[in-house]
PDB file of N, CA and C in Angstrom:
ATOM      1  N   MET A   1     101.696 167.863 131.638  1.00  0.00           N
ATOM      2  CA  MET A   1     101.311 167.040 132.588  1.00  0.00           C
ATOM      3  C   MET A   1     102.824 166.773 133.491  1.00  0.00           C
ATOM      4  N   THR A   2     102.864 166.795 134.645  1.00  0.00           N
ATOM      5  CA  THR A   2     103.998 166.361 135.190  1.00  0.00           C
ATOM      6  C   THR A   2     104.188 164.713 135.218  1.00  0.00           C
ATOM      7  N   LYS A   3     105.442 164.466 135.462  1.00  0.00           N
ATOM      8  CA  LYS A   3     105.558 162.639 135.488  1.00  0.00           C
ATOM      9  C   LYS A   3     104.628 162.129 136.565  1.00  0.00           C
ATOM     10  N   SER A   4     104.675 162.702 137.539  1.00  0.00           N
ATOM     11  CA  SER A   4     103.519 162.157 138.751  1.00  0.00           C
ATOM     12  C   SER A   4     102.095 162.412 138.177  1.00  0.00           C
ATOM     13  N   GLU A   5     101.677 163.490 137.469  1.00  0.00           N
ATOM     14  CA  GLU A   5     100.635 163.659 137.070  1.00  0.00           C
ATOM     15  C   GLU A   5     100.098 162.369 135.814  1.00  0.00           C
ATOM     16  N   ARG A   6     101.179 162.197 135.020  1.00  0.00           N
ATOM     17  CA  ARG A   6     101.005 161.227 134.051  1.00  0.00           C
ATOM     18  C   ARG A   6     100.650 159.813 134.564  1.00  0.00           C
ATOM     19  N   ARG A   7     101.641 159.519 135.667  1.00  0.00           N
ATOM     20  CA  ARG A   7     101.295 158.163 136.309  1.00  0.00           C
ATOM     21  C   ARG A   7      99.823 158.077 136.904  1.00  0.00           C
ATOM     22  N   THR A   8      99.406 159.254 137.464  1.00  0.00           N
ATOM     23  CA  THR A   8      97.990 158.942 137.954  1.00  0.00           C
ATOM     24  C   THR A   8      97.005 159.134 137.114  1.00  0.00           C
ATOM     25  N   ALA A   9      97.285 159.598 136.030  1.00  0.00           N
ATOM     26  CA  ALA A   9      96.120 159.558 134.719  1.00  0.00           C
ATOM     27  C   ALA A   9      96.360 158.379 134.304  1.00  0.00           C
ATOM     28  N   SER A  10      97.382 157.547 134.142  1.00  0.00           N
ATOM     29  CA  SER A  10      97.530 156.349 133.636  1.00  0.00           C
ATOM     30  C   SER A  10      96.751 155.475 134.520  1.00  0.00           C
ATOM     31  N   ARG A  11      97.185 155.698 135.901  1.00  0.00           N
ATOM     32  CA  ARG A  11      96.603 154.458 136.960  1.00  0.00           C
ATOM     33  C   ARG A  11      95.150 154.725 136.855  1.00  0.00           C
ATOM     34  N   LEU A  12      94.696 155.927 136.861  1.00  0.00           N
ATOM     35  CA  LEU A  12      93.367 156.351 136.925  1.00  0.00           C
ATOM     36  C   LEU A  12      92.350 155.585 135.510  1.00  0.00           C
ATOM     37  N   GLY A  13      92.906 156.016 134.444  1.00  0.00           N
ATOM     38  CA  GLY A  13      92.566 155.643 133.040  1.00  0.00           C
ATOM     39  C   GLY A  13      92.157 154.097 133.090  1.00  0.00           C
ATOM     40  N   GLN A  14      93.341 153.116 133.466  1.00  0.00           N
ATOM     41  CA  GLN A  14      93.365 151.825 133.705  1.00  0.00           C
ATOM     42  C   GLN A  14      92.127 151.379 134.414  1.00  0.00           C
ATOM     43  N   ALA A  15      91.993 152.010 135.670  1.00  0.00           N
ATOM     44  CA  ALA A  15      91.029 151.676 136.701  1.00  0.00           C
ATOM     45  C   ALA A  15      89.650 151.964 136.214  1.00  0.00           C
ATOM     46  N   VAL A  16      89.241 153.094 135.256  1.00  0.00           N
ATOM     47  CA  VAL A  16      87.944 153.667 134.662  1.00  0.00           C
ATOM     48  C   VAL A  16      87.789 152.269 133.353  1.00  0.00           C
ATOM     49  N   ARG A  17      88.601 152.079 132.859  1.00  0.00           N
ATOM     50  CA  ARG A  17      88.692 151.294 131.831  1.00  0.00           C
ATOM     51  C   ARG A  17      87.992 149.736 132.238  1.00  0.00           C
ATOM     52  N   ARG A  18      88.789 149.136 133.185  1.00  0.00           N
ATOM     53  CA  ARG A  18      88.590 147.976 133.921  1.00  0.00           C
ATOM     54  C   ARG A  18      87.170 148.037 134.562  1.00  0.00           C
ATOM     55  N   ALA A  19      86.720 149.011 135.341  1.00  0.00           N
ATOM     56  CA  ALA A  19      85.316 148.901 135.849  1.00  0.00           C
ATOM     57  C   ALA A  19      84.311 149.114 134.987  1.00  0.00           C
ATOM     58  N   ARG A  20      84.393 149.943 133.640  1.00  0.00           N
ATOM     59  CA  ARG A  20      83.633 150.158 132.787  1.00  0.00           C
ATOM     60  C   ARG A  20      83.323 148.872 132.025  1.00  0.00           C
ATOM     61  N   SER A  21      84.502 148.164 131.708  1.00  0.00           N
ATOM     62  CA  SER A  21      84.514 146.930 131.065  1.00  0.00           C
ATOM     63  C   SER A  21      83.788 145.811 131.757  1.00  0.00           C
ATOM     64  N   ALA A  22      84.153 145.629 133.033  1.00  0.00           N
ATOM     65  CA  ALA A  22      83.464 144.747 133.848  1.00  0.00           C
ATOM     66  C   ALA A  22      82.098 144.791 134.047  1.00  0.00           C
ATOM     67  N   ARG A  23      81.422 146.309 133.678  1.00  0.00           N
ATOM     68  CA  ARG A  23      79.904 146.469 133.805  1.00  0.00           C
ATOM     69  C   ARG A  23      79.349 146.081 132.402  1.00  0.00           C
ATOM     70  N   GLY A  24      80.188 145.943 131.509  1.00  0.00           N
ATOM     71  CA  GLY A  24      79.769 145.601 129.976  1.00  0.00           C
ATOM     72  C   GLY A  24      79.296 147.057 129.426  1.00  0.00           C
ATOM     73  N   TRP A  25      79.523 147.954 129.841  1.00  0.00           N
ATOM     74  CA  TRP A  25      79.343 149.669 129.620  1.00  0.00           C
ATOM     75  C   TRP A  25      80.162 150.028 128.203  1.00  0.00           C
ATOM     76  N   SER A  26      79.628 150.465 127.429  1.00  0.00           N
ATOM     77  CA  SER A  26      80.630 151.390 126.205  1.00  0.00           C
ATOM     78  C   SER A  26      81.046 152.605 126.726  1.00  0.00           C
ATOM     79  N   GLN A  27      82.171 152.752 126.117  1.00  0.00           N
ATOM     80  CA  GLN A  27      82.243 154.446 126.581  1.00  0.00           C
ATOM     81  C   GLN A  27      81.336 155.526 126.347  1.00  0.00           C
ATOM     82  N   ALA A  28      80.259 155.137 125.428  1.00  0.00           N
ATOM     83  CA  ALA A  28      79.333 156.186 125.294  1.00  0.00           C
ATOM     84  C   ALA A  28      78.402 156.016 126.337  1.00  0.00           C
ATOM     85  N   LYS A  29      78.225 155.094 126.918  1.00  0.00           N
ATOM     86  CA  LYS A  29      77.287 154.770 128.133  1.00  0.00           C
ATOM     87  C   LYS A  29      77.977 155.257 129.243  1.00  0.00           C
ATOM     88  N   LEU A  30      79.170 155.105 129.525  1.00  0.00           N
ATOM     89  CA  LEU A  30      79.839 155.595 130.633  1.00  0.00           C
ATOM     90  C   LEU A  30      79.776 157.341 130.578  1.00  0.00           C
ATOM     91  N   ALA A  31      80.147 157.948 129.421  1.00  0.00           N
ATOM     92  CA  ALA A  31      79.801 159.232 129.117  1.00  0.00           C
ATOM     93  C   ALA A  31      78.874 159.962 129.437  1.00  0.00           C
ATOM     94  N   GLU A  32      77.621 159.025 129.050  1.00  0.00           N
ATOM     95  CA  GLU A  32      76.184 159.445 129.479  1.00  0.00           C
ATOM     96  C   GLU A  32      76.044 159.472 130.872  1.00  0.00           C
ATOM     97  N   GLU A  33      76.491 158.472 131.580  1.00  0.00           N
ATOM     98  CA  GLU A  33      76.255 158.447 133.065  1.00  0.00           C
ATOM     99  C   GLU A  33      76.926 159.399 133.837  1.00  0.00           C
ATOM    100  N   VAL A  34      77.966 160.008 133.303  1.00  0.00           N
ATOM    101  CA  VAL A  34      78.740 161.071 133.996  1.00  0.00           C
ATOM    102  C   VAL A  34      78.734 162.401 133.214  1.00  0.00           C
ATOM    103  N   ASP A  35      77.874 162.470 132.328  1.00  0.00           N
ATOM    104  CA  ASP A  35      77.471 163.688 131.473  1.00  0.00           C
ATOM    105  C   ASP A  35      78.664 164.415 130.923  1.00  0.00           C
ATOM    106  N   VAL A  36      79.868 163.554 130.443  1.00  0.00           N
ATOM    107  CA  VAL A  36      80.796 164.050 129.316  1.00  0.00           C
ATOM    108  C   VAL A  36      80.967 163.603 128.089  1.00  0.00           C
ATOM    109  N   SER A  37      81.587 163.758 127.173  1.00  0.00           N
ATOM    110  CA  SER A  37      81.832 163.181 125.870  1.00  0.00           C
ATOM    111  C   SER A  37      82.306 162.102 126.046  1.00  0.00           C
ATOM    112  N   THR A  38      81.955 161.482 124.841  1.00  0.00           N
ATOM    113  CA  THR A  38      82.770 159.709 124.823  1.00  0.00           C
ATOM    114  C   THR A  38      84.154 160.220 124.557  1.00  0.00           C
ATOM    115  N   ASP A  39      84.407 161.110 123.630  1.00  0.00           N
ATOM    116  CA  ASP A  39      85.879 161.413 123.365  1.00  0.00           C
ATOM    117  C   ASP A  39      86.564 161.612 124.805  1.00  0.00           C
ATOM    118  N   TYR A  40      86.143 162.328 125.664  1.00  0.00           N
ATOM    119  CA  TYR A  40      86.732 162.672 126.760  1.00  0.00           C
ATOM    120  C   TYR A  40      86.971 161.338 127.636  1.00  0.00           C
ATOM    121  N   ILE A  41      85.833 160.487 127.738  1.00  0.00           N
ATOM    122  CA  ILE A  41      86.039 159.256 128.317  1.00  0.00           C
ATOM    123  C   ILE A  41      87.431 158.526 127.726  1.00  0.00           C
ATOM    124  N   GLY A  42      87.611 158.706 126.335  1.00  0.00           N
ATOM    125  CA  GLY A  42      88.503 157.878 125.671  1.00  0.00           C
ATOM    126  C   GLY A  42      89.918 158.304 126.060  1.00  0.00           C
ATOM    127  N   LEU A  43      90.130 160.089 126.442  1.00  0.00           N
ATOM    128  CA  LEU A  43      91.277 160.439 126.826  1.00  0.00           C
ATOM    129  C   LEU A  43      91.604 160.279 128.205  1.00  0.00           C
ATOM    130  N   LEU A  44      90.537 159.908 128.887  1.00  0.00           N
ATOM    131  CA  LEU A  44      90.862 159.339 130.324  1.00  0.00           C
ATOM    132  C   LEU A  44      91.231 157.952 130.286  1.00  0.00           C
ATOM    133  N   GLU A  45      90.503 157.042 129.529  1.00  0.00           N
ATOM    134  CA  GLU A  45      90.958 155.863 129.919  1.00  0.00           C
ATOM    135  C   GLU A  45      92.362 155.712 129.181  1.00  0.00           C
ATOM    136  N   ARG A  46      92.745 156.494 128.329  1.00  0.00           N
ATOM    137  CA  ARG A  46      94.169 156.465 127.639  1.00  0.00           C
ATOM    138  C   ARG A  46      95.506 157.145 128.752  1.00  0.00           C
ATOM    139  N   GLY A  47      94.793 157.662 129.609  1.00  0.00           N
ATOM    140  CA  GLY A  47      95.575 158.537 130.841  1.00  0.00           C
ATOM    141  C   GLY A  47      96.128 159.811 130.059  1.00  0.00           C
ATOM    142  N   GLU A  48      95.386 160.377 128.980  1.00  0.00           N
ATOM    143  CA  GLU A  48      96.063 161.689 128.398  1.00  0.00           C
ATOM    144  C   GLU A  48      95.181 162.857 129.164  1.00  0.00           C
ATOM    145  N   ARG A  49      94.282 162.572 130.046  1.00  0.00           N
ATOM    146  CA  ARG A  49      93.711 163.778 130.807  1.00  0.00           C
ATOM    147  C   ARG A  49      93.411 163.415 132.139  1.00  0.00           C
ATOM    148  N   LEU A  50      93.520 164.300 133.074  1.00  0.00           N
ATOM    149  CA  LEU A  50      93.177 163.922 134.512  1.00  0.00           C
ATOM    150  C   LEU A  50      91.749 164.891 134.815  1.00  0.00           C
ATOM    151  N   PRO A  51      90.972 164.273 135.238  1.00  0.00           N
ATOM    152  CA  PRO A  51      89.585 164.456 135.253  1.00  0.00           C
ATOM    153  C   PRO A  51      89.484 165.418 136.493  1.00  0.00           C
ATOM    154  N   SER A  52      88.546 166.262 136.702  1.00  0.00           N
ATOM    155  CA  SER A  52      88.032 167.053 137.651  1.00  0.00           C
ATOM    156  C   SER A  52      87.692 166.375 139.033  1.00  0.00           C
ATOM    157  N   PHE A  53      88.003 166.700 139.908  1.00  0.00           N
ATOM    158  CA  PHE A  53      87.388 165.982 141.467  1.00  0.00           C
ATOM    159  C   PHE A  53      86.054 165.525 140.975  1.00  0.00           C
ATOM    160  N   THR A  54      85.006 166.397 140.476  1.00  0.00           N
ATOM    161  CA  THR A  54      83.915 166.183 140.588  1.00  0.00           C
ATOM    162  C   THR A  54      83.470 165.073 139.589  1.00  0.00           C
ATOM    163  N   VAL A  55      84.269 165.124 138.407  1.00  0.00           N
ATOM    164  CA  VAL A  55      84.203 163.807 137.531  1.00  0.00           C
ATOM    165  C   VAL A  55      84.624 162.460 138.242  1.00  0.00           C
ATOM    166  N   VAL A  56      85.857 162.529 139.181  1.00  0.00           N
ATOM    167  CA  VAL A  56      86.323 161.548 139.635  1.00  0.00           C
ATOM    168  C   VAL A  56      85.013 161.075 140.748  1.00  0.00           C
ATOM    169  N   VAL A  57      84.678 161.769 141.399  1.00  0.00           N
ATOM    170  CA  VAL A  57      83.423 161.431 142.583  1.00  0.00           C
ATOM    171  C   VAL A  57      82.276 160.791 141.583  1.00  0.00           C
ATOM    172  N   GLN A  58      81.916 161.357 140.403  1.00  0.00           N
ATOM    173  CA  GLN A  58      80.643 160.777 139.646  1.00  0.00           C
ATOM    174  C   GLN A  58      81.197 159.398 139.028  1.00  0.00           C
ATOM    175  N   LEU A  59      82.378 159.398 138.742  1.00  0.00           N
ATOM    176  CA  LEU A  59      82.956 157.679 138.159  1.00  0.00           C
ATOM    177  C   LEU A  59      82.685 157.007 139.436  1.00  0.00           C
ATOM    178  N   ALA A  60      83.157 157.577 140.343  1.00  0.00           N
ATOM    179  CA  ALA A  60      83.257 156.208 141.641  1.00  0.00           C
ATOM    180  C   ALA A  60      81.754 156.092 141.815  1.00  0.00           C
ATOM    181  N   ASP A  61      80.935 157.015 142.175  1.00  0.00           N
ATOM    182  CA  ASP A  61      79.411 156.586 142.397  1.00  0.00           C
ATOM    183  C   ASP A  61      78.752 155.823 141.477  1.00  0.00           C
ATOM    184  N   ARG A  62      78.945 155.991 140.106  1.00  0.00           N
ATOM    185  CA  ARG A  62      78.201 155.447 139.065  1.00  0.00           C
ATOM    186  C   ARG A  62      79.006 153.727 139.121  1.00  0.00           C
ATOM    187  N   PHE A  63      80.077 153.749 139.417  1.00  0.00           N
ATOM    188  CA  PHE A  63      80.845 152.331 139.592  1.00  0.00           C
ATOM    189  C   PHE A  63      80.435 151.563 140.993  1.00  0.00           C
ATOM    190  N   GLY A  64      79.883 152.474 141.887  1.00  0.00           N
ATOM    191  CA  GLY A  64      79.711 151.932 142.995  1.00  0.00           C
ATOM    192  C   GLY A  64      80.993 151.363 143.865  1.00  0.00           C
ATOM    193  N   VAL A  65      82.277 152.434 143.565  1.00  0.00           N
ATOM    194  CA  VAL A  65      83.334 151.936 144.393  1.00  0.00           C
ATOM    195  C   VAL A  65      83.754 153.399 145.043  1.00  0.00           C
ATOM    196  N   THR A  66      84.741 153.089 145.882  1.00  0.00           N
ATOM    197  CA  THR A  66      85.436 154.335 146.677  1.00  0.00           C
ATOM    198  C   THR A  66      86.191 155.167 145.906  1.00  0.00           C
ATOM    199  N   LEU A  67      86.258 156.170 146.073  1.00  0.00           N
ATOM    200  CA  LEU A  67      87.623 157.125 145.405  1.00  0.00           C
ATOM    201  C   LEU A  67      88.748 156.461 145.442  1.00  0.00           C
ATOM    202  N   GLY A  68      89.227 155.849 146.645  1.00  0.00           N
ATOM    203  CA  GLY A  68      90.414 155.325 146.855  1.00  0.00           C
ATOM    204  C   GLY A  68      90.749 154.193 146.150  1.00  0.00           C
ATOM    205  N   SER A  69      89.546 153.150 145.830  1.00  0.00           N
ATOM    206  CA  SER A  69      89.855 152.161 144.763  1.00  0.00           C
ATOM    207  C   SER A  69      90.151 152.471 143.235  1.00  0.00           C
ATOM    208  N   LEU A  70      89.474 153.666 142.974  1.00  0.00           N
ATOM    209  CA  LEU A  70      89.819 154.263 141.413  1.00  0.00           C
ATOM    210  C   LEU A  70      91.093 154.589 141.465  1.00  0.00           C
ATOM    211  N   LEU A  71      91.682 155.264 142.578  1.00  0.00           N
ATOM    212  CA  LEU A  71      93.074 155.681 142.653  1.00  0.00           C
ATOM    213  C   LEU A  71      94.247 154.815 143.105  1.00  0.00           C
ATOM    214  N   ALA A  72      93.819 153.583 143.548  1.00  0.00           N
ATOM    215  CA  ALA A  72      94.721 152.705 144.165  1.00  0.00           C
ATOM    216  C   ALA A  72      95.333 152.001 142.755  1.00  0.00           C
ATOM    217  N   GLU A  73      96.764 151.084 143.225  1.00  0.00           N
ATOM    218  CA  GLU A  73      97.194 150.647 142.082  1.00  0.00           C
ATOM    219  C   GLU A  73      96.189 149.516 141.771  1.00  0.00           C
ATOM    220  N   GLY A  74      96.492 149.228 140.107  1.00  0.00           N
ATOM    221  CA  GLY A  74      95.448 148.232 139.790  1.00  0.00           C
ATOM    222  C   GLY A  74      95.535 146.647 140.293  1.00  0.00           C
ATOM    223  N   PRO A  75      94.657 146.002 140.144  1.00  0.00           N
ATOM    224  CA  PRO A  75      94.658 144.472 140.628  1.00  0.00           C
ATOM    225  C   PRO A  75      95.811 143.754 139.914  1.00  0.00           C
ATOM    226  N   GLU A  76      95.805 142.591 140.415  1.00  0.00           N
ATOM    227  CA  GLU A  76      96.940 141.597 140.067  1.00  0.00           C
ATOM    228  C   GLU A  76      96.510 141.174 138.572  1.00  0.00           C
ATOM    229  N   PRO A  77      97.460 140.919 137.813  1.00  0.00           N
ATOM    230  CA  PRO A  77      97.247 140.477 136.296  1.00  0.00           C
ATOM    231  C   PRO A  77      96.045 139.368 136.329  1.00  0.00           C
ATOM    232  N   TRP A  78      96.121 138.259 137.250  1.00  0.00           N
ATOM    233  CA  TRP A  78      95.238 137.277 136.948  1.00  0.00           C
ATOM    234  C   TRP A  78      93.723 137.759 137.254  1.00  0.00           C
ATOM    235  N   VAL A  79      93.335 138.991 137.797  1.00  0.00           N
ATOM    236  CA  VAL A  79      92.282 139.543 137.866  1.00  0.00           C
ATOM    237  C   VAL A  79      91.473 139.742 136.464  1.00  0.00           C
ATOM    238  N   ASP A  80      92.271 140.545 135.887  1.00  0.00           N
ATOM    239  CA  ASP A  80      91.683 140.535 134.411  1.00  0.00           C
ATOM    240  C   ASP A  80      91.233 139.484 133.491  1.00  0.00           C
ATOM    241  N   GLU A  81      92.506 138.431 133.831  1.00  0.00           N
ATOM    242  CA  GLU A  81      92.070 137.149 132.975  1.00  0.00           C
ATOM    243  C   GLU A  81      90.805 136.384 133.594  1.00  0.00           C
ATOM    244  N   ALA A  82      90.632 136.505 134.786  1.00  0.00           N
ATOM    245  CA  ALA A  82      89.530 135.982 135.315  1.00  0.00           C
ATOM    246  C   ALA A  82      88.129 136.447 135.108  1.00  0.00           C
ATOM    247  N   MET A  83      88.111 137.977 135.002  1.00  0.00           N
ATOM    248  CA  MET A  83      87.042 138.623 134.441  1.00  0.00           C
ATOM    249  C   MET A  83      86.734 138.178 133.035  1.00  0.00           C
ATOM    250  N   ALA A  84      87.753 138.100 132.050  1.00  0.00           N
ATOM    251  CA  ALA A  84      87.376 137.878 130.772  1.00  0.00           C
ATOM    252  C   ALA A  84      86.804 136.415 130.733  1.00  0.00           C
ATOM    253  N   LEU A  85      87.471 135.311 131.612  1.00  0.00           N
ATOM    254  CA  LEU A  85      86.718 133.892 131.598  1.00  0.00           C
ATOM    255  C   LEU A  85      85.547 134.210 132.213  1.00  0.00           C
ATOM    256  N   LEU A  86      85.108 134.789 132.884  1.00  0.00           N
ATOM    257  CA  LEU A  86      83.946 134.712 133.740  1.00  0.00           C
ATOM    258  C   LEU A  86      82.794 135.252 132.542  1.00  0.00           C
ATOM    259  N   ARG A  87      83.170 136.290 131.743  1.00  0.00           N
ATOM    260  CA  ARG A  87      82.190 136.724 130.780  1.00  0.00           C
ATOM    261  C   ARG A  87      82.076 135.834 129.842  1.00  0.00           C
ATOM    262  N   ALA A  88      82.948 135.034 129.525  1.00  0.00           N
ATOM    263  CA  ALA A  88      82.733 133.739 128.537  1.00  0.00           C
ATOM    264  C   ALA A  88      81.889 132.735 128.946  1.00  0.00           C
ATOM    265  N   VAL A  89      81.410 132.676 130.268  1.00  0.00           N
ATOM    266  CA  VAL A  89      80.638 131.558 130.885  1.00  0.00           C
ATOM    267  C   VAL A  89      79.188 132.140 130.383  1.00  0.00           C
ATOM    268  N   PRO A  90      78.500 130.986 129.949  1.00  0.00           N
ATOM    269  CA  PRO A  90      76.916 131.228 129.646  1.00  0.00           C
ATOM    270  C   PRO A  90      76.228 131.800 130.921  1.00  0.00           C
ATOM    271  N   ALA A  91      75.486 132.741 130.785  1.00  0.00           N
ATOM    272  CA  ALA A  91      74.738 133.581 131.458  1.00  0.00           C
ATOM    273  C   ALA A  91      73.845 132.335 132.365  1.00  0.00           C
ATOM    274  N   GLU A  92      73.258 131.479 131.919  1.00  0.00           N
ATOM    275  CA  GLU A  92      72.743 130.752 132.816  1.00  0.00           C
ATOM    276  C   GLU A  92      73.732 129.710 134.168  1.00  0.00           C
ATOM    277  N   ALA A  93      74.942 129.829 133.605  1.00  0.00           N
ATOM    278  CA  ALA A  93      75.889 129.117 134.578  1.00  0.00           C
ATOM    279  C   ALA A  93      76.467 130.337 135.374  1.00  0.00           C
ATOM    280  N   ARG A  94      76.485 131.534 134.971  1.00  0.00           N
ATOM    281  CA  ARG A  94      77.378 132.690 135.591  1.00  0.00           C
ATOM    282  C   ARG A  94      77.239 132.630 137.284  1.00  0.00           C
ATOM    283  N   GLU A  95      75.867 132.435 137.700  1.00  0.00           N
ATOM    284  CA  GLU A  95      75.698 132.630 139.165  1.00  0.00           C
ATOM    285  C   GLU A  95      76.354 131.320 139.903  1.00  0.00           C
ATOM    286  N   VAL A  96      76.131 130.165 139.457  1.00  0.00           N
ATOM    287  CA  VAL A  96      77.116 129.110 139.745  1.00  0.00           C
ATOM    288  C   VAL A  96      78.472 129.115 139.914  1.00  0.00           C
ATOM    289  N   VAL A  97      78.937 129.703 138.901  1.00  0.00           N
ATOM    290  CA  VAL A  97      80.702 129.949 138.991  1.00  0.00           C
ATOM    291  C   VAL A  97      80.794 131.075 139.880  1.00  0.00           C
ATOM    292  N   LEU A  98      80.025 132.248 140.012  1.00  0.00           N
ATOM    293  CA  LEU A  98      80.385 133.366 141.113  1.00  0.00           C
ATOM    294  C   LEU A  98      80.269 132.634 142.564  1.00  0.00           C
ATOM    295  N   ARG A  99      79.017 131.794 142.619  1.00  0.00           N
ATOM    296  CA  ARG A  99      78.992 131.213 144.050  1.00  0.00           C
ATOM    297  C   ARG A  99      80.338 130.492 144.682  1.00  0.00           C
ATOM    298  N   MET A 100      80.821 129.599 143.471  1.00  0.00           N
ATOM    299  CA  MET A 100      81.941 128.925 143.676  1.00  0.00           C
ATOM    300  C   MET A 100      83.165 129.802 143.822  1.00  0.00           C
ATOM    301  N   LEU A 101      83.270 130.976 143.328  1.00  0.00           N
ATOM    302  CA  LEU A 101      84.433 131.935 143.601  1.00  0.00           C
ATOM    303  C   LEU A 101      84.492 132.319 144.782  1.00  0.00           C
ATOM    304  N   ARG A 102      83.273 132.756 145.227  1.00  0.00           N
ATOM    305  CA  ARG A 102      82.938 133.212 146.587  1.00  0.00           C
ATOM    306  C   ARG A 102      83.394 132.378 147.562  1.00  0.00           C
ATOM    307  N   GLY A 103      82.986 131.282 147.411  1.00  0.00           N
ATOM    308  CA  GLY A 103      83.201 129.937 148.475  1.00  0.00           C
ATOM    309  C   GLY A 103      84.941 130.082 148.679  1.00  0.00           C
ATOM    310  N   VAL A 104      85.551 130.039 147.521  1.00  0.00           N
ATOM    311  CA  VAL A 104      87.202 129.989 147.328  1.00  0.00           C
ATOM    312  C   VAL A 104      87.656 131.256 148.035  1.00  0.00           C
ATOM    313  N   ALA A 105      87.193 132.296 147.770  1.00  0.00           N
ATOM    314  CA  ALA A 105      87.675 133.531 148.361  1.00  0.00           C
ATOM    315  C   ALA A 105      87.532 133.555 149.937  1.00  0.00           C
ATOM    316  N   SER A 106      86.381 133.339 150.446  1.00  0.00           N
ATOM    317  CA  SER A 106      86.116 133.315 151.715  1.00  0.00           C
ATOM    318  C   SER A 106      86.891 132.356 152.596  1.00  0.00           C
ATOM    319  N   GLY A 107      87.809 131.406 151.809  1.00  0.00           N
ATOM    320  CA  GLY A 107      88.548 130.454 152.625  1.00  0.00           C
ATOM    321  C   GLY A 107      87.787 129.200 153.052  1.00  0.00           C
ATOM    322  N   PRO A 108      88.613 128.596 153.681  1.00  0.00           N
ATOM    323  CA  PRO A 108      88.075 127.180 154.241  1.00  0.00           C
ATOM    324  C   PRO A 108      86.988 127.386 155.533  1.00  0.00           C
ATOM    325  N   ARG A 109      86.112 126.618 155.568  1.00  0.00           N
ATOM    326  CA  ARG A 109      84.991 126.455 156.456  1.00  0.00           C
ATOM    327  C   ARG A 109      85.514 125.872 157.682  1.00  0.00           C
ATOM    328  N   LYS A 110      85.207 126.377 159.083  1.00  0.00           N
ATOM    329  CA  LYS A 110      85.425 125.604 160.193  1.00  0.00           C
ATOM    330  C   LYS A 110      84.357 125.104 160.644  1.00  0.00           C
ATOM    331  N   ARG A 111      85.075 123.723 161.142  1.00  0.00           N
ATOM    332  CA  ARG A 111      83.914 122.648 161.296  1.00  0.00           C
ATOM    333  C   ARG A 111      83.482 122.585 162.874  1.00  0.00           C
TER     334      ARG A 111
END
């Protein structure tokens, strides 16, 4: 792999890991979803392999995201921390926390 390909593979691998973890999926579950081996998912997430275009399309489809978001630079570091904190919130309180976050993200309301 060229240096550029290694950077792309690493960036894509991080995005796949983030998207998979955010959904609470195991590598085995993701592998089943895109019809590849669990080992292959591990190679992708570690940035050791560049997937075919078909696999990238399948990943984006299963995650419900655009191809561009999979290939874009990762989110700011606080996003991973926020996701971990949200996963720690008891299930019955999660919707309330999400509504609060959506309210903050949408900015102040005009009166």
